[in-house]
Every structure is written in structure tokens, then in C-alpha cells.
Amino acid sequence: MDALARGGVDTQELSRRLPGQVDTALRFPTRITPAELNPILNEAALLSGDSNFGLRMVELVTTADLGIYGYLMTNAPTVREALDVACRYYPTFYRGATLELSTVRGTASIIYRPKVHDELPNLHDNEWTLGYLVNLIKRGASADWSPTRTTFPHPAPEDLKPEDWAELNQVFGTNIHFDHEFVSVEFPVDALSYGINAADPDLLRVLLQQAERMLAEIHDDGTLAGEVRLLILEHLGSGNSDSAQIARALNVSASTLKRRLKQEGCTYRLLRDDVVRQVSQKALSDSHAPISEIAYRVGYSDLSAFDRAFARIAGMSPMEYRARARRRNRSK
């Protein structure tokens, strides 16, 4: 709702017009389906007077706003790995739709498939979804990159101003087709190899592996501790991984979080230490990233503070742990 307000939407009026849908979006943001989201976006476009409101959401909703889903894509080394993550986890975080990445004879394509076709036009949802993926590719390409072909199942928007068409062309290219079977973008397959992150690729893959493992654990055990561990990992690099921040992300008070974790036989401090230990140890042993970069990724801008924390958690310095890990790897 904050993003809608930043886009010029009177959110109180929106809640008055669509109380049920807005309540669902606020309470279960990762469970909302395209059919539930479309009325909100269509009404928001009317209230804001913005014909390209879906594209505006691309600007207003940052990767950080997407939680662990955004974290996974942010830490992908290449466009292909980022899109693979986007496709693999889209149904997990956003119910009711799938993303598919395919390559055929030098052309890559991404297809967005809502599972249920809504009677309302999906224009803004389609543009938001595809626009976000185009921007993801642009991180590895260039600011003026655009797809070679874009297709939408909805009719061509009526009465768009020239500047609105120009914005559509800037994002989706000039080869846009409406009333098509699919929501899709096509582009040269070479774009999949573009790097989108300057950090050590082995370190980034370690972060991806840890997040994916924690996601699997949440699915298997369904505990609050598992969910907290995942949120800690998501927030580590931003420096906002204290218990108060995690409690806000869970929509509970800090005292409630403490009490519920105690019922599961753990504390926030133990969970955070365990996440820092696992990520740090894996990064030290499986990547050549500088220890200072690893420290930053797990929430320590000061290297000496990371050295002390790691020694407390693991019983030795990061340098000593890396040396031992490399000796073990050479002996295998």
C-alpha cells in the first residue's frame, strides 16, 4: 500500500472501494493471486490518473520490497540465474501464476501464465510483471536495452497519450503485439549470459544455495524458527537484521516473537548466530571472495567486528577457518 500511495493513489479511498481485496493484500501479500490483484491495480490506475500504472509499479516496488524472492534474484550472478530463480520461485511467493523461461534457435523468451483468466483486463498486472523482468535483464545489458518482441493478451490500450506510448516502447520495444495468446517477452539468447552482479560469483552462489536450503526447510518443518532464519538471511546484508526488524516483518511484537521462539526451544540470538556461521563458513570454504566482502554480506561493515563474532561462533578466526577448509579440499 505504501507503493500505491507513492504512485499518487488515495489508499483510503481505495480501501473504501475494495475493502475485501485490499484487506487480503495487506494481510497476505505473498498469497494474493492475479485475480485478486487486478481489481486493485485497475482501481489504483483510475485514482492516480496514470494510464501506465503497471509500469509505475516497476519503479515504485523495489527488489528489497519483494523480500526473500527479491534477495534471491539480487544475489544471482547472471541474467540466466536470476531468471531461473524468478521462474522457479514465482509460484511459491505469488500464487495463481507461473513464469516460464525457454530458448529456441538463438531466441530466449519468458512467458507469464496466470492460472485463472479474469474477466477484468490484466493490463497493469501484465505490464508490471514483464516490466520488472525487463528491468532485471537491463541490469546486465544497458539502460536502453529492450526486448525484440513483446506480446499481451489484452487489447491495445485506448486513448493513450503519445508520451504513454513512448514509455511503453522504452520498456518493451517497438515490436509490441496485443490480443495475443500469451504474456511474453522475447530477446536474443546472448542476454542470458550477462553478468548482473559485480560480487564474487562463487560467493553469490553460496548465498543462493543457503537461501534455497532454508526455503526447503521451511516447507518441510513449518516452524517459526525456520521462517525467522530465512528473514535473518534476507536482512543480513542491509544491516537491519535485529529482532525488532524481524518482528515487524512478521507483523508481531518483539515480545511475541521472543515468546514464540522460546516455545520452540530457541532464541533470536542463537538463530542469527547460526545463520551467520553457516553462510560465513560456506563462503570461506567454497569461494575466493575477500573476507571483507563476506563480512559485509553477513552484516558486518567492520572487519574486526566480524573477526570477533566469527571467532565467538566458530571457535577460530575466519582466516584460520579458510586455511583449514582449503587444506581439507586439497586432501580430497
Protein backbone atom coordinates (compact mmCIF):
# COMPACT_ATOMS: atom_id res chain seq x y z
CA MET A 1 0.00 0.00 0.00
CA ASP A 2 2.97 2.32 0.59
CA ALA A 3 3.98 1.83 -3.04
CA LEU A 4 0.46 2.67 -4.22
CA ALA A 5 0.48 5.84 -2.12
CA ARG A 6 3.85 6.84 -3.62
CA GLY A 7 2.19 6.39 -7.02
CA GLY A 8 -0.42 9.03 -6.22
CA VAL A 9 -3.21 6.69 -5.08
CA ASP A 10 -5.57 7.73 -2.29
CA THR A 11 -5.23 4.47 -0.38
CA GLN A 12 -8.08 5.29 2.00
CA GLU A 13 -10.44 5.71 -0.94
CA LEU A 14 -9.04 2.53 -2.50
CA SER A 15 -9.76 0.63 0.74
CA ARG A 16 -13.28 2.06 0.78
CA ARG A 17 -13.95 0.90 -2.78
CA LEU A 18 -12.30 -2.52 -2.49
CA PRO A 19 -12.28 -3.44 1.21
CA GLY A 20 -12.00 -7.22 0.74
CA GLN A 21 -9.23 -7.18 -1.85
CA VAL A 22 -7.18 -4.56 -0.02
CA ASP A 23 -7.50 -6.45 3.27
CA THR A 24 -6.23 -9.62 1.56
CA ALA A 25 -3.30 -7.74 0.03
CA LEU A 26 -2.33 -6.27 3.40
CA ARG A 27 -2.63 -9.47 5.42
CA PHE A 28 -1.38 -11.98 2.87
CA PRO A 29 0.80 -10.09 0.34
CA THR A 30 2.58 -13.24 -0.87
CA ARG A 31 -0.65 -15.20 -1.29
CA ILE A 32 -2.51 -12.74 -3.47
CA THR A 33 -3.45 -14.05 -6.92
CA PRO A 34 -3.62 -12.09 -10.18
CA ALA A 35 -7.42 -12.29 -10.00
CA GLU A 36 -7.31 -10.58 -6.59
CA LEU A 37 -4.61 -8.09 -7.60
CA ASN A 38 -6.16 -6.94 -10.89
CA PRO A 39 -9.08 -5.00 -9.36
CA ILE A 40 -6.67 -3.19 -7.03
CA LEU A 41 -4.34 -2.18 -9.87
CA ASN A 42 -7.19 -1.16 -12.16
CA GLU A 43 -8.78 0.98 -9.44
CA ALA A 44 -5.38 2.43 -8.49
CA ALA A 45 -4.83 3.47 -12.11
CA LEU A 46 -8.17 5.30 -12.10
CA LEU A 47 -7.48 7.01 -8.77
CA SER A 48 -3.99 8.11 -9.81
CA GLY A 49 -4.91 9.06 -13.37
CA ASP A 50 -1.88 7.07 -14.59
CA SER A 51 -2.56 5.04 -17.74
CA ASN A 52 0.72 3.15 -17.33
CA PHE A 53 0.23 2.31 -13.66
CA GLY A 54 1.68 -1.19 -14.10
CA LEU A 55 4.94 0.33 -15.31
CA ARG A 56 4.83 2.77 -12.41
CA MET A 57 4.78 -0.17 -10.02
CA VAL A 58 8.05 -1.37 -11.56
CA GLU A 59 9.59 1.89 -10.37
CA LEU A 60 7.80 2.04 -7.02
CA VAL A 61 8.30 -1.55 -5.81
CA THR A 62 12.00 -2.22 -5.28
CA THR A 63 13.72 -5.58 -5.21
CA ALA A 64 14.07 -5.18 -1.44
CA ASP A 65 10.26 -4.89 -1.20
CA LEU A 66 9.97 -8.41 -2.64
CA GLY A 67 11.55 -10.00 0.43
CA ILE A 68 13.49 -13.24 0.05
CA TYR A 69 12.27 -13.56 -3.56
CA GLY A 70 14.00 -10.27 -4.35
CA TYR A 71 17.03 -11.34 -2.30
CA LEU A 72 17.43 -14.48 -4.40
CA MET A 73 17.33 -12.53 -7.68
CA THR A 74 19.61 -9.78 -6.34
CA ASN A 75 22.31 -12.31 -5.50
CA ALA A 76 22.21 -14.13 -8.83
CA PRO A 77 25.49 -13.71 -10.77
CA THR A 78 23.97 -13.72 -14.28
CA VAL A 79 20.74 -12.87 -16.06
CA ARG A 80 20.04 -16.58 -16.67
CA GLU A 81 20.45 -17.47 -12.99
CA ALA A 82 18.28 -14.53 -11.93
CA LEU A 83 15.53 -15.53 -14.38
CA ASP A 84 15.82 -19.19 -13.33
CA VAL A 85 15.23 -18.10 -9.73
CA ALA A 86 12.34 -15.86 -10.82
CA CYS A 87 10.65 -18.73 -12.65
CA ARG A 88 11.35 -21.40 -10.03
CA TYR A 89 10.01 -19.47 -7.05
CA TYR A 90 7.29 -17.28 -8.58
CA PRO A 91 4.50 -19.79 -7.77
CA THR A 92 5.86 -20.11 -4.20
CA PHE A 93 5.61 -16.41 -3.41
CA TYR A 94 2.84 -15.29 -5.76
CA ARG A 95 0.01 -17.77 -6.04
CA GLY A 96 -2.04 -18.27 -9.13
CA ALA A 97 0.56 -17.74 -11.86
CA THR A 98 3.79 -19.16 -13.28
CA LEU A 99 6.79 -17.85 -15.21
CA GLU A 100 8.48 -19.95 -17.89
CA LEU A 101 11.92 -19.34 -19.46
CA SER A 102 12.76 -21.11 -22.71
CA THR A 103 15.31 -20.86 -25.52
CA VAL A 104 14.75 -21.80 -29.16
CA ARG A 105 17.22 -21.19 -32.00
CA GLY A 106 19.01 -18.19 -30.55
CA THR A 107 15.92 -16.58 -29.01
CA ALA A 108 15.05 -16.60 -25.32
CA SER A 109 11.51 -15.98 -24.12
CA ILE A 110 9.73 -15.53 -20.80
CA ILE A 111 6.02 -16.35 -20.60
CA TYR A 112 3.81 -15.19 -17.72
CA ARG A 113 0.83 -17.51 -17.25
CA PRO A 114 -1.97 -16.67 -14.80
CA LYS A 115 -3.69 -19.94 -13.90
CA VAL A 116 -7.16 -18.40 -13.95
CA HIS A 117 -8.26 -15.95 -16.62
CA ASP A 118 -10.01 -12.99 -15.03
CA GLU A 119 -12.90 -11.14 -16.61
CA LEU A 120 -11.22 -7.85 -15.73
CA PRO A 121 -8.44 -6.64 -18.03
CA ASN A 122 -4.99 -7.67 -16.76
CA LEU A 123 -3.19 -4.77 -18.40
CA HIS A 124 -1.45 -3.35 -15.32
CA ASP A 125 -0.56 -6.72 -13.81
CA ASN A 126 0.90 -7.89 -17.15
CA GLU A 127 2.93 -4.70 -17.59
CA TRP A 128 4.19 -4.78 -14.00
CA THR A 129 5.34 -8.42 -14.24
CA LEU A 130 7.03 -8.14 -17.62
CA GLY A 131 8.40 -4.69 -16.85
CA TYR A 132 10.12 -5.98 -13.72
CA LEU A 133 11.76 -8.82 -15.67
CA VAL A 134 12.89 -6.45 -18.42
CA ASN A 135 14.50 -4.22 -15.80
CA LEU A 136 16.24 -7.26 -14.35
CA ILE A 137 17.78 -8.01 -17.74
CA LYS A 138 18.74 -4.35 -18.17
CA ARG A 139 20.95 -4.64 -15.09
CA GLY A 140 23.24 -6.84 -17.19
CA ALA A 141 22.64 -5.17 -20.55
CA SER A 142 22.19 -1.40 -20.67
CA ALA A 143 19.61 1.21 -19.77
CA ASP A 144 18.35 1.43 -23.37
CA TRP A 145 18.03 -2.35 -23.87
CA SER A 146 14.59 -3.61 -24.85
CA PRO A 147 13.07 -6.94 -25.96
CA THR A 148 12.88 -7.83 -29.65
CA ARG A 149 9.21 -8.79 -29.27
CA THR A 150 6.56 -8.37 -26.56
CA THR A 151 3.07 -9.86 -26.54
CA PHE A 152 -0.02 -9.16 -24.42
CA PRO A 153 -3.42 -10.91 -24.46
CA HIS A 154 -5.29 -7.74 -23.57
CA PRO A 155 -6.42 -5.32 -26.30
CA ALA A 156 -4.27 -2.33 -27.18
CA PRO A 157 -4.91 0.44 -24.64
CA GLU A 158 -7.29 3.07 -25.93
CA ASP A 159 -6.70 6.82 -25.83
CA LEU A 160 -3.08 6.55 -24.68
CA LYS A 161 -1.17 9.81 -24.97
CA PRO A 162 1.95 9.85 -27.17
CA GLU A 163 4.16 10.07 -24.08
CA ASP A 164 2.46 6.97 -22.63
CA TRP A 165 3.16 5.02 -25.82
CA ALA A 166 6.74 6.25 -25.74
CA GLU A 167 7.08 4.87 -22.21
CA LEU A 168 5.71 1.50 -23.29
CA ASN A 169 8.15 1.41 -26.22
CA GLN A 170 11.06 2.36 -23.99
CA VAL A 171 10.41 -0.65 -21.75
CA PHE A 172 9.02 -3.25 -24.16
CA GLY A 173 10.46 -2.15 -27.50
CA THR A 174 8.56 -1.13 -30.60
CA ASN A 175 7.53 -4.65 -31.63
CA ILE A 176 4.51 -4.96 -29.29
CA HIS A 177 1.57 -7.23 -30.15
CA PHE A 178 -1.82 -7.12 -28.41
CA ASP A 179 -4.70 -9.64 -28.39
CA HIS A 180 -2.07 -12.37 -28.35
CA GLU A 181 -2.34 -15.78 -26.72
CA PHE A 182 0.49 -15.16 -24.22
CA VAL A 183 2.03 -12.53 -21.97
CA SER A 184 5.64 -12.76 -23.07
CA VAL A 185 8.91 -11.06 -23.95
CA GLU A 186 11.48 -12.36 -26.45
CA PHE A 187 15.14 -11.36 -26.69
CA PRO A 188 18.49 -12.68 -28.01
CA VAL A 189 19.71 -15.67 -26.02
CA ASP A 190 23.11 -13.97 -25.55
CA ALA A 191 21.50 -11.70 -22.95
CA LEU A 192 21.21 -14.67 -20.58
CA SER A 193 24.98 -14.70 -20.08
CA TYR A 194 25.17 -11.05 -19.00
CA GLY A 195 26.55 -10.51 -15.51
CA ILE A 196 24.24 -8.55 -13.22
CA ASN A 197 26.29 -8.50 -10.04
CA ALA A 198 29.87 -7.38 -9.51
CA ALA A 199 30.43 -9.53 -6.42
CA ASP A 200 32.35 -12.81 -6.47
CA PRO A 201 30.11 -15.28 -8.40
CA ASP A 202 31.03 -18.20 -6.11
CA LEU A 203 30.01 -16.13 -3.08
CA LEU A 204 26.72 -15.23 -4.73
CA ARG A 205 26.02 -18.89 -5.44
CA VAL A 206 26.73 -19.71 -1.81
CA LEU A 207 24.14 -17.13 -0.75
CA LEU A 208 21.63 -18.56 -3.24
CA GLN A 209 22.25 -22.12 -2.03
CA GLN A 210 21.79 -21.13 1.61
CA ALA A 211 18.54 -19.30 0.88
CA GLU A 212 17.19 -22.18 -1.19
CA ARG A 213 18.09 -24.68 1.54
CA MET A 214 16.28 -22.58 4.14
CA LEU A 215 13.24 -22.29 1.89
CA ALA A 216 13.16 -26.08 1.62
CA GLU A 217 13.44 -26.41 5.41
CA ILE A 218 10.50 -24.03 5.95
CA HIS A 219 8.42 -26.10 3.54
CA ASP A 220 9.35 -29.30 5.40
CA ASP A 221 9.02 -28.28 9.05
CA GLY A 222 6.77 -25.19 9.02
CA THR A 223 8.31 -23.75 12.21
CA LEU A 224 8.56 -20.10 13.17
CA ALA A 225 12.30 -20.60 13.73
CA GLY A 226 12.71 -21.61 10.08
CA GLU A 227 10.84 -18.53 8.90
CA VAL A 228 12.93 -16.30 11.18
CA ARG A 229 16.17 -17.82 9.87
CA LEU A 230 15.12 -17.01 6.32
CA LEU A 231 14.24 -13.43 7.24
CA ILE A 232 17.58 -13.04 9.02
CA LEU A 233 19.39 -14.17 5.88
CA GLU A 234 17.33 -11.77 3.78
CA HIS A 235 18.13 -8.78 6.01
CA LEU A 236 21.77 -9.57 6.94
CA GLY A 237 23.44 -7.52 4.23
CA SER A 238 21.23 -4.49 4.84
CA GLY A 239 22.22 -4.26 8.50
CA ASN A 240 18.52 -4.49 9.51
CA SER A 241 18.54 -7.98 10.98
CA ASP A 242 17.87 -7.19 14.63
CA SER A 243 14.95 -8.87 16.37
CA ALA A 244 12.76 -5.75 16.19
CA GLN A 245 13.11 -5.60 12.38
CA ILE A 246 12.35 -9.30 12.00
CA ALA A 247 9.32 -8.98 14.30
CA ARG A 248 7.99 -6.13 12.12
CA ALA A 249 8.45 -8.28 9.02
CA LEU A 250 6.34 -10.97 10.71
CA ASN A 251 3.71 -8.44 11.87
CA VAL A 252 4.21 -9.34 15.53
CA SER A 253 5.69 -7.52 18.50
CA ALA A 254 9.28 -8.19 19.60
CA SER A 255 7.98 -9.70 22.86
CA THR A 256 5.63 -12.03 20.97
CA LEU A 257 8.47 -13.14 18.71
CA LYS A 258 10.66 -13.85 21.76
CA ARG A 259 7.90 -15.82 23.47
CA ARG A 260 7.04 -17.91 20.42
CA LEU A 261 10.69 -18.74 19.70
CA LYS A 262 11.13 -19.79 23.34
CA GLN A 263 8.21 -22.19 22.87
CA GLU A 264 10.19 -23.77 20.03
CA GLY A 265 13.28 -24.04 22.25
CA CYS A 266 15.44 -21.32 20.73
CA THR A 267 16.25 -17.62 20.86
CA TYR A 268 16.71 -14.95 18.23
CA ARG A 269 20.41 -14.62 19.11
CA LEU A 270 21.02 -18.34 18.58
CA LEU A 271 19.22 -18.28 15.22
CA ARG A 272 21.15 -15.25 14.00
CA ASP A 273 24.48 -16.71 15.10
CA ASP A 274 23.66 -19.95 13.29
CA VAL A 275 22.78 -18.16 10.05
CA VAL A 276 25.97 -16.06 10.20
CA ARG A 277 28.04 -19.17 10.94
CA GLN A 278 26.57 -21.27 8.12
CA VAL A 279 26.80 -18.56 5.46
CA SER A 280 30.28 -17.46 6.54
CA GLN A 281 31.72 -20.96 6.73
CA LYS A 282 30.28 -21.95 3.35
CA ALA A 283 31.55 -18.72 1.75
CA LEU A 284 35.02 -19.07 3.28
CA SER A 285 35.39 -22.66 2.10
CA ASP A 286 33.64 -22.52 -1.29
CA SER A 287 34.59 -19.08 -2.65
CA HIS A 288 37.64 -16.88 -3.15
CA ALA A 289 35.80 -13.75 -2.07
CA PRO A 290 37.78 -11.45 0.22
CA ILE A 291 36.93 -11.92 3.89
CA SER A 292 35.89 -8.25 4.00
CA GLU A 293 33.23 -8.91 1.34
CA ILE A 294 31.94 -11.97 3.19
CA ALA A 295 31.80 -9.90 6.37
CA TYR A 296 29.73 -7.23 4.59
CA ARG A 297 27.34 -9.83 3.19
CA VAL A 298 26.57 -11.14 6.67
CA GLY A 299 26.03 -7.70 8.18
CA TYR A 300 29.46 -6.53 9.34
CA SER A 301 30.87 -3.37 7.77
CA ASP A 302 33.77 -3.51 10.23
CA LEU A 303 36.13 -6.43 9.56
CA SER A 304 37.44 -6.60 13.12
CA ALA A 305 33.88 -6.90 14.44
CA PHE A 306 33.28 -9.80 12.04
CA ASP A 307 36.54 -11.46 13.15
CA ARG A 308 35.41 -11.32 16.78
CA ALA A 309 31.88 -12.51 16.02
CA PHE A 310 33.09 -15.40 13.87
CA ALA A 311 35.65 -16.47 16.48
CA ARG A 312 32.92 -16.47 19.14
CA ILE A 313 30.57 -18.53 16.97
CA ALA A 314 33.03 -20.90 15.24
CA GLY A 315 35.90 -21.05 17.71
CA MET A 316 38.56 -19.70 15.33
CA SER A 317 39.27 -16.70 13.11
CA PRO A 318 37.84 -16.51 9.56
CA MET A 319 41.37 -16.69 8.12
CA GLU A 320 42.17 -19.82 10.10
CA TYR A 321 38.87 -21.44 9.10
CA ARG A 322 39.51 -20.72 5.40
CA ALA A 323 43.05 -22.14 5.62
CA ARG A 324 41.76 -25.35 7.24
CA ALA A 325 38.95 -25.67 4.69
CA ARG A 326 41.38 -25.33 1.78
CA ARG A 327 43.66 -27.98 3.27
CA ARG A 328 40.66 -30.32 3.56
CA ASN A 329 39.62 -29.59 -0.02
CA ARG A 330 43.12 -30.31 -1.35
CA SER A 331 43.27 -33.62 0.50
CA LYS A 332 40.05 -34.90 -1.06
